[in-house]
Amino acid sequence: VLLVESGGGLVQAGGSLRLSCGASERTLINYAVGWFRQAPGKEREVVAVISSRGNSKYSPDSMKGRFTISRDYAKGTVLLLMNSLKPEDPALYYCAARLASGTYYYTESSEYDYWGQGTQVTVSS
């Protein structure tokens, strides 16, 4: 499964971006999906994850209320809406996927089988 992220870019602090994750030649309907990010010199960290049904989600406390993960069922993609971006948010944002059913979601990067190339998010102060 080839994952493709889009929507990254440069935004001012306090601004918003919407990232999209899609899969070539198929949809992500039967996949649990996660968004992760990695800044230079830092470990990869989870941003938000969602179950294949879309009814179970998780985000770390530091991102709750600012980052929202959702599914676009019409397009078979997974979105990450990022509001109130801060100077500490710049990173390469990756989406990841694994086949999964029901309400399970996965918060560890090692639990995912497929990864995109990432999309860069830059925040100017």
Protein backbone atom coordinates (compact mmCIF):
# COMPACT_ATOMS: atom_id res chain seq x y z
CA VAL A 1 0.00 0.00 0.00
CA LEU A 2 1.51 3.29 -1.07
CA LEU A 3 0.44 6.14 1.18
CA VAL A 4 0.56 9.73 0.04
CA GLU A 5 0.31 12.73 2.33
CA SER A 6 -0.57 16.22 1.22
CA GLY A 7 -1.46 19.57 2.72
CA GLY A 8 1.73 20.54 4.47
CA GLY A 9 3.30 23.94 4.10
CA LEU A 10 4.24 27.17 5.82
CA VAL A 11 1.78 28.80 8.18
CA GLN A 12 1.97 31.52 10.78
CA ALA A 13 1.74 30.65 14.44
CA GLY A 14 -1.91 30.40 15.38
CA GLY A 15 -2.88 29.36 11.89
CA SER A 16 -4.33 26.12 10.57
CA LEU A 17 -3.46 23.40 8.12
CA ARG A 18 -5.35 20.35 6.93
CA LEU A 19 -3.33 17.30 6.01
CA SER A 20 -4.69 14.48 3.92
CA CYS A 21 -3.58 10.87 3.70
CA GLY A 22 -4.60 8.68 0.82
CA ALA A 23 -3.60 5.34 -0.62
CA SER A 24 -2.84 4.68 -4.24
CA GLU A 25 -5.22 2.31 -6.00
CA ARG A 26 -7.37 1.72 -2.94
CA THR A 27 -9.10 3.44 -0.08
CA LEU A 28 -8.21 3.47 3.58
CA ILE A 29 -11.63 2.29 4.69
CA ASN A 30 -10.40 -1.05 6.10
CA TYR A 31 -7.28 0.38 7.65
CA ALA A 32 -6.54 1.88 11.02
CA VAL A 33 -4.59 5.05 10.35
CA GLY A 34 -2.25 7.16 12.39
CA TRP A 35 -0.54 10.48 11.98
CA PHE A 36 2.95 10.80 13.40
CA ARG A 37 5.51 13.55 13.28
CA GLN A 38 9.25 13.81 13.59
CA ALA A 39 11.26 16.96 14.06
CA PRO A 40 15.04 17.11 13.48
CA GLY A 41 16.90 15.54 16.37
CA LYS A 42 13.74 14.23 17.98
CA GLU A 43 12.00 10.90 18.07
CA ARG A 44 8.94 10.19 16.04
CA GLU A 45 5.80 10.83 18.06
CA VAL A 46 2.14 10.06 17.63
CA VAL A 47 -0.14 12.95 16.72
CA ALA A 48 -3.54 11.30 16.23
CA VAL A 49 -4.87 7.88 15.34
CA ILE A 50 -8.24 6.56 14.20
CA SER A 51 -9.85 3.15 13.92
CA SER A 52 -11.02 1.73 10.60
CA ARG A 53 -14.63 2.40 11.59
CA GLY A 54 -13.73 5.93 12.54
CA ASN A 55 -15.50 5.73 15.89
CA SER A 56 -12.37 5.41 18.02
CA LYS A 57 -9.70 8.07 18.10
CA TYR A 58 -6.74 9.06 20.19
CA SER A 59 -4.51 12.10 20.50
CA PRO A 60 -1.96 12.92 23.20
CA ASP A 61 -3.17 15.46 25.73
CA SER A 62 -0.78 18.05 24.35
CA MET A 63 -2.57 17.96 21.01
CA LYS A 64 -6.17 17.46 22.05
CA GLY A 65 -8.33 20.39 21.19
CA ARG A 66 -5.93 21.53 18.49
CA PHE A 67 -5.54 18.49 16.24
CA THR A 68 -8.50 16.54 14.91
CA ILE A 69 -8.34 13.33 12.91
CA SER A 70 -11.26 12.26 10.75
CA ARG A 71 -12.21 10.14 7.79
CA ASP A 72 -13.49 11.34 4.45
CA TYR A 73 -15.53 8.32 3.45
CA ALA A 74 -16.37 9.70 0.04
CA LYS A 75 -12.71 9.90 -0.88
CA GLY A 76 -11.45 7.06 1.27
CA THR A 77 -8.87 9.33 2.89
CA VAL A 78 -7.94 10.34 6.43
CA LEU A 79 -7.61 13.99 7.36
CA LEU A 80 -5.71 15.77 10.09
CA LEU A 81 -6.97 19.24 10.87
CA MET A 82 -4.43 21.23 12.82
CA ASN A 83 -5.52 24.46 14.47
CA SER A 84 -3.68 26.98 16.62
CA LEU A 85 -0.32 25.84 15.32
CA LYS A 86 2.58 26.62 17.60
CA PRO A 87 6.30 27.14 17.06
CA GLU A 88 6.91 23.65 18.50
CA ASP A 89 4.72 21.94 15.89
CA PRO A 90 7.04 22.06 12.85
CA ALA A 91 8.04 18.59 11.74
CA LEU A 92 7.73 16.08 8.98
CA TYR A 93 4.25 14.65 9.36
CA TYR A 94 3.69 11.06 8.30
CA CYS A 95 0.61 8.98 7.92
CA ALA A 96 0.71 5.27 8.58
CA ALA A 97 -1.78 2.47 8.09
CA ARG A 98 -2.45 -1.14 8.93
CA LEU A 99 -5.29 -3.48 8.13
CA ALA A 100 -7.64 -3.54 11.05
CA SER A 101 -11.28 -4.07 11.79
CA GLY A 102 -13.72 -2.52 14.17
CA THR A 103 -12.84 -0.04 16.82
CA TYR A 104 -9.15 -0.76 17.35
CA TYR A 105 -6.59 1.96 17.00
CA TYR A 106 -2.84 1.85 17.41
CA THR A 107 -0.58 4.43 19.02
CA GLU A 108 2.86 2.94 18.46
CA SER A 109 4.68 3.46 15.18
CA SER A 110 5.88 -0.14 15.25
CA GLU A 111 2.29 -1.32 14.97
CA TYR A 112 1.88 0.10 11.49
CA ASP A 113 2.81 -1.66 8.28
CA TYR A 114 2.60 1.08 5.69
CA TRP A 115 4.04 4.59 5.71
CA GLY A 116 3.97 7.63 3.52
CA GLN A 117 6.94 9.81 2.65
CA GLY A 118 5.77 12.61 4.88
CA THR A 119 4.71 16.20 4.37
CA GLN A 120 6.57 19.12 5.90
CA VAL A 121 4.85 21.51 8.26
CA THR A 122 6.60 24.78 9.06
CA VAL A 123 5.32 27.37 11.49
CA SER A 124 6.59 30.94 11.46
CA SER A 125 6.45 33.02 14.61
